[in-house]
């Protein structure tokens, strides 16, 4: 029973000679893949602006080149079942990946290639970024000062407005009761107080929202990756790098069998499985 294998992940140690051959082919594929990814994620310098308006150089690469390369691989896997090249986005961590599989007799070869990298946000080195930040700072200062002034003198402001409407000689408790009972009166008074303050808080709020949206449009993404091969646990834990794996499974009655013995494979099946991996290696190189 010690030659029975469970869901063979190529690169897993095995005493079986055929699995050893597949592992060697898998190792060659991974080395080619890593070399290609290292080339495609070559670092370049770009000018970016920090939050304090300092302009500096930041290192990055172009993820689209990797996406195009993965798509090219998929286009050349003519009779494989394919998953579209996909980009996941989890805050500052991003992944580009695709999966593919093919049947050889009753055996399923499934592959997964991906890269995982971090995203850092900066501003474009443009004067408009500084202008937007200055306008936002002015609005914050203005509204903060006016809101504090209204807060400090709110009761007196309301009393004055009520007196203008004929309400006289009552204390703060009576003031509270009137405002609580008369919704329309309360709203009118607060609108008048805002108007007298010579600040349109609603308009300033809209302006502030537009400025924040404009600043968002002036953000630039930069990308960081390590040119190393990682495995599934390191991928899941959020490490940077690239992954290239192949699995071999036995299919019986449309179900994936937990155990199979590679000694029971026919020579034709072994040859065709080997050819599939050789085919993939050639596609990687192209």
Protein backbone atom coordinates (compact mmCIF):
# COMPACT_ATOMS: atom_id res chain seq x y z
CA UNK A 1 0.00 0.00 0.00
CA UNK A 2 2.98 2.35 0.34
CA UNK A 3 2.87 3.11 -3.39
CA UNK A 4 -0.74 4.26 -3.26
CA UNK A 5 -0.75 8.04 -3.67
CA UNK A 6 -3.31 10.61 -2.59
CA UNK A 7 -4.03 13.52 -4.95
CA UNK A 8 -0.48 13.71 -6.29
CA UNK A 9 1.00 17.22 -6.14
CA UNK A 10 3.94 17.21 -8.49
CA UNK A 11 7.08 17.99 -6.46
CA UNK A 12 5.94 15.65 -3.67
CA UNK A 13 8.53 12.99 -2.86
CA UNK A 14 7.62 9.53 -4.14
CA UNK A 15 9.40 6.17 -4.50
CA UNK A 16 7.67 5.61 -7.84
CA UNK A 17 9.94 6.07 -10.87
CA UNK A 18 7.24 7.60 -13.07
CA UNK A 19 6.25 10.16 -10.43
CA UNK A 20 9.94 11.00 -10.05
CA UNK A 21 10.10 11.72 -13.80
CA UNK A 22 7.03 13.95 -13.55
CA UNK A 23 8.55 15.75 -10.58
CA UNK A 24 11.66 16.50 -12.62
CA UNK A 25 9.54 17.88 -15.46
CA UNK A 26 7.60 19.95 -12.93
CA UNK A 27 10.86 21.34 -11.53
CA UNK A 28 11.96 22.42 -15.03
CA UNK A 29 8.59 24.09 -15.63
CA UNK A 30 8.81 26.00 -12.34
CA UNK A 31 12.31 27.24 -13.14
CA UNK A 32 11.21 28.49 -16.57
CA UNK A 33 8.11 30.10 -15.06
CA UNK A 34 10.12 31.89 -12.36
CA UNK A 35 12.58 33.17 -14.97
CA UNK A 36 9.74 34.52 -17.12
CA UNK A 37 8.00 36.20 -14.18
CA UNK A 38 11.29 37.76 -13.02
CA UNK A 39 11.67 39.24 -16.51
CA UNK A 40 8.06 40.46 -16.71
CA UNK A 41 8.13 42.08 -13.25
CA UNK A 42 11.35 43.96 -13.85
CA UNK A 43 11.39 47.01 -11.60
CA UNK A 44 11.35 50.58 -12.93
CA UNK A 45 11.36 53.96 -11.13
CA UNK A 46 8.40 56.34 -11.31
CA UNK A 47 7.90 59.81 -9.86
CA UNK A 48 5.23 59.98 -7.15
CA UNK A 49 4.00 62.53 -4.61
CA UNK A 50 3.71 61.76 -0.90
CA UNK A 51 0.89 62.98 1.32
CA UNK A 52 3.09 65.89 2.47
CA UNK A 53 3.60 66.97 -1.20
CA UNK A 54 7.17 65.63 -1.34
CA UNK A 55 8.03 64.23 -4.79
CA UNK A 56 10.16 61.07 -4.76
CA UNK A 57 11.07 58.00 -6.82
CA UNK A 58 9.16 54.78 -6.20
CA UNK A 59 9.92 51.33 -7.64
CA UNK A 60 7.15 49.46 -9.47
CA UNK A 61 6.41 47.03 -12.31
CA UNK A 62 3.63 46.61 -14.88
CA UNK A 63 1.10 43.87 -13.89
CA UNK A 64 -0.48 44.03 -17.36
CA UNK A 65 2.57 42.32 -18.83
CA UNK A 66 1.95 39.34 -16.54
CA UNK A 67 -1.76 39.30 -17.41
CA UNK A 68 -0.90 39.32 -21.12
CA UNK A 69 1.59 36.48 -20.61
CA UNK A 70 -0.97 34.36 -18.73
CA UNK A 71 -3.51 35.04 -21.46
CA UNK A 72 -0.99 33.96 -24.10
CA UNK A 73 -0.46 30.68 -22.21
CA UNK A 74 -4.22 30.10 -22.10
CA UNK A 75 -4.56 30.85 -25.81
CA UNK A 76 -2.01 28.15 -26.60
CA UNK A 77 -3.58 25.48 -24.39
CA UNK A 78 -5.90 24.50 -27.22
CA UNK A 79 -7.73 21.49 -25.81
CA UNK A 80 -7.41 22.20 -22.09
CA UNK A 81 -10.30 23.43 -19.94
CA UNK A 82 -9.39 26.96 -18.89
CA UNK A 83 -10.26 29.52 -16.25
CA UNK A 84 -10.10 33.15 -17.35
CA UNK A 85 -7.09 35.17 -16.26
CA UNK A 86 -8.35 36.86 -13.09
CA UNK A 87 -7.18 39.62 -10.78
CA UNK A 88 -8.24 39.54 -7.13
CA UNK A 89 -8.19 42.70 -5.09
CA UNK A 90 -7.94 42.61 -1.30
CA UNK A 91 -7.00 46.09 -0.06
CA UNK A 92 -3.23 46.33 -0.54
CA UNK A 93 -2.74 42.71 -1.69
CA UNK A 94 -3.42 41.65 -5.27
CA UNK A 95 -3.22 38.38 -7.16
CA UNK A 96 -3.23 37.54 -10.87
CA UNK A 97 -3.96 33.90 -11.62
CA UNK A 98 -5.39 31.32 -13.99
CA UNK A 99 -6.12 27.60 -13.77
CA UNK A 100 -6.34 24.89 -16.42
CA UNK A 101 -6.88 21.16 -16.64
CA UNK A 102 -6.91 18.31 -19.15
CA UNK A 103 -7.94 14.65 -19.07
CA UNK A 104 -5.51 11.92 -20.08
CA UNK A 105 -7.47 8.69 -20.07
CA UNK A 106 -8.89 8.47 -16.55
CA UNK A 107 -6.34 10.88 -15.13
CA UNK A 108 -6.77 14.61 -14.62
CA UNK A 109 -3.84 17.01 -14.86
CA UNK A 110 -4.67 20.36 -13.28
CA UNK A 111 -2.40 23.38 -13.18
CA UNK A 112 -2.39 26.74 -11.40
CA UNK A 113 -0.13 29.72 -12.09
CA UNK A 114 -0.29 33.02 -10.24
CA UNK A 115 1.63 35.99 -8.92
CA UNK A 116 0.90 37.81 -5.67
CA UNK A 117 2.06 41.35 -4.98
CA UNK A 118 1.42 44.40 -2.82
CA UNK A 119 -0.06 47.71 -3.93
CA UNK A 120 1.11 51.06 -2.57
CA UNK A 121 -0.84 54.27 -3.25
CA UNK A 122 0.71 57.67 -3.92
CA UNK A 123 -0.40 60.84 -5.63
CA UNK A 124 0.55 61.82 -9.13
CA UNK A 125 3.22 64.56 -9.00
CA UNK A 126 0.80 67.30 -10.08
CA UNK A 127 0.14 70.80 -8.73
CA UNK A 128 -3.58 70.05 -8.55
CA UNK A 129 -2.96 67.64 -5.66
CA UNK A 130 -1.47 70.47 -3.58
CA UNK A 131 -4.30 72.82 -4.59
CA UNK A 132 -6.98 70.31 -3.54
CA UNK A 133 -5.27 69.70 -0.20
CA UNK A 134 -5.08 73.47 0.43
CA UNK A 135 -8.78 73.96 -0.42
CA UNK A 136 -9.77 71.10 1.87
CA UNK A 137 -7.66 72.50 4.70
CA UNK A 138 -9.33 75.90 4.33
CA UNK A 139 -12.81 74.35 4.39
CA UNK A 140 -12.01 72.26 7.46
CA UNK A 141 -10.65 75.29 9.32
CA UNK A 142 -13.64 77.45 8.39
CA UNK A 143 -16.32 74.91 9.29
CA UNK A 144 -14.52 73.92 12.49
CA UNK A 145 -14.36 77.52 13.70
CA UNK A 146 -17.96 78.31 12.76
CA UNK A 147 -19.30 75.07 14.26
CA UNK A 148 -17.49 75.81 17.52
CA UNK A 149 -18.86 79.35 17.55
CA UNK A 150 -22.41 78.11 16.98
CA UNK A 151 -21.99 75.40 19.62
CA UNK A 152 -20.70 77.83 22.23
CA UNK A 153 -23.54 80.31 21.66
CA UNK A 154 -26.32 78.03 20.46
CA UNK A 155 -28.74 78.62 23.33
CA UNK A 156 -28.42 82.38 23.08
CA UNK A 157 -28.85 82.30 19.29
CA UNK A 158 -32.06 80.30 19.67
CA UNK A 159 -33.38 82.57 22.42
CA UNK A 160 -32.80 85.62 20.24
CA UNK A 161 -34.65 84.02 17.34
CA UNK A 162 -37.57 83.07 19.55
CA UNK A 163 -37.77 86.58 20.96
CA UNK A 164 -37.98 87.92 17.42
CA UNK A 165 -41.09 85.73 17.06
CA UNK A 166 -42.67 87.03 20.27
CA UNK A 167 -41.52 84.34 22.70
CA UNK A 168 -40.29 86.23 25.79
CA UNK A 169 -39.53 85.77 29.46
CA UNK A 170 -38.85 82.01 29.58
CA UNK A 171 -35.94 79.94 30.82
CA UNK A 172 -33.79 77.30 29.08
CA UNK A 173 -36.13 74.50 30.14
CA UNK A 174 -39.03 76.25 28.41
CA UNK A 175 -36.80 76.77 25.40
CA UNK A 176 -36.19 73.03 25.21
CA UNK A 177 -39.92 72.25 25.45
CA UNK A 178 -40.82 74.66 22.63
CA UNK A 179 -38.18 73.30 20.28
CA UNK A 180 -39.10 69.73 21.12
CA UNK A 181 -42.80 70.26 20.40
CA UNK A 182 -42.53 72.45 17.29
CA UNK A 183 -40.52 70.64 14.61
CA UNK A 184 -41.13 73.17 11.85
CA UNK A 185 -40.21 76.09 14.08
CA UNK A 186 -37.02 74.32 15.17
CA UNK A 187 -35.94 73.72 11.58
CA UNK A 188 -36.66 77.32 10.56
CA UNK A 189 -34.66 78.70 13.47
CA UNK A 190 -31.63 76.52 12.79
CA UNK A 191 -31.73 77.47 9.09
CA UNK A 192 -31.76 81.15 10.03
CA UNK A 193 -28.89 80.69 12.48
CA UNK A 194 -26.82 78.98 9.78
CA UNK A 195 -27.65 81.76 7.34
CA UNK A 196 -26.68 84.45 9.86
CA UNK A 197 -23.38 82.65 10.44
CA UNK A 198 -22.57 83.49 6.81
CA UNK A 199 -21.54 79.88 6.15
CA UNK A 200 -23.40 77.45 3.91
CA UNK A 201 -22.46 74.18 5.59
CA UNK A 202 -24.33 72.09 3.03
CA UNK A 203 -22.51 73.73 0.14
CA UNK A 204 -19.16 73.36 1.90
CA UNK A 205 -19.89 69.69 2.53
CA UNK A 206 -20.59 69.14 -1.18
CA UNK A 207 -17.41 70.98 -2.14
CA UNK A 208 -15.40 68.90 0.32
CA UNK A 209 -16.84 65.69 -1.15
CA UNK A 210 -15.92 66.78 -4.70
CA UNK A 211 -12.38 67.63 -3.61
CA UNK A 212 -11.92 64.22 -1.97
CA UNK A 213 -13.20 62.54 -5.16
CA UNK A 214 -10.78 64.60 -7.23
CA UNK A 215 -7.89 63.61 -4.96
CA UNK A 216 -8.89 59.95 -5.38
CA UNK A 217 -8.68 60.40 -9.15
CA UNK A 218 -5.13 61.73 -8.73
CA UNK A 219 -3.90 58.60 -6.94
CA UNK A 220 -1.36 56.35 -8.60
CA UNK A 221 -0.76 52.68 -7.79
CA UNK A 222 2.72 51.20 -7.50
CA UNK A 223 3.42 47.48 -7.22
CA UNK A 224 5.91 45.44 -5.20
CA UNK A 225 6.75 41.78 -5.73
CA UNK A 226 9.51 39.34 -4.77
CA UNK A 227 10.81 37.15 -7.60
CA UNK A 228 10.57 33.87 -5.69
CA UNK A 229 8.49 30.73 -5.97
CA UNK A 230 5.98 30.27 -3.17
CA UNK A 231 3.59 27.45 -2.27
CA UNK A 232 -0.11 27.44 -1.43
CA UNK A 233 0.30 28.14 2.34
CA UNK A 234 2.59 31.11 1.63
CA UNK A 235 0.16 32.37 -1.02
CA UNK A 236 -2.74 32.18 1.44
CA UNK A 237 -0.72 33.93 4.15
CA UNK A 238 -0.19 36.90 1.81
CA UNK A 239 3.46 36.53 0.82
CA UNK A 240 4.73 38.13 -2.37
CA UNK A 241 5.92 35.84 -5.14
CA UNK A 242 4.78 33.50 -7.89
CA UNK A 243 3.25 30.05 -7.85
CA UNK A 244 3.21 27.24 -10.41
CA UNK A 245 1.74 23.89 -9.41
CA UNK A 246 0.43 20.73 -11.07
CA UNK A 247 -1.75 18.02 -9.60
CA UNK A 248 -2.47 14.54 -10.94
CA UNK A 249 -5.69 12.77 -9.94
CA UNK A 250 -7.49 9.57 -10.89
CA UNK A 251 -11.09 9.98 -12.07
CA UNK A 252 -13.59 7.14 -11.66
CA UNK A 253 -17.30 7.53 -12.48
CA UNK A 254 -16.81 11.31 -12.67
CA UNK A 255 -15.45 11.32 -9.13
CA UNK A 256 -11.94 12.13 -8.03
CA UNK A 257 -10.54 9.06 -6.34
CA UNK A 258 -8.60 9.65 -3.18
CA UNK A 259 -6.09 6.89 -3.92
CA UNK A 260 -4.45 5.54 -7.03
CA UNK A 261 -1.44 3.38 -7.76
CA UNK A 262 0.84 4.75 -10.52
CA UNK A 263 2.12 1.20 -11.16
CA UNK A 264 -1.28 0.43 -12.70
CA UNK A 265 -0.92 3.15 -15.35
CA UNK A 266 -0.47 1.90 -18.90
CA UNK A 267 2.62 2.97 -20.81
CA UNK A 268 0.42 4.97 -23.20
CA UNK A 269 -1.13 6.92 -20.33
CA UNK A 270 2.29 7.63 -18.84
CA UNK A 271 3.61 8.78 -22.20
CA UNK A 272 0.63 11.07 -22.82
CA UNK A 273 0.86 12.62 -19.34
CA UNK A 274 4.54 13.30 -19.94
CA UNK A 275 3.73 14.85 -23.33
CA UNK A 276 1.22 17.20 -21.73
CA UNK A 277 3.82 18.53 -19.34
CA UNK A 278 6.35 18.83 -22.18
CA UNK A 279 3.73 20.74 -24.17
CA UNK A 280 3.19 23.14 -21.29
CA UNK A 281 6.93 23.70 -20.93
CA UNK A 282 7.20 24.66 -24.61
CA UNK A 283 4.28 27.08 -24.24
CA UNK A 284 6.00 28.73 -21.26
CA UNK A 285 9.12 29.28 -23.35
CA UNK A 286 7.33 30.76 -26.35
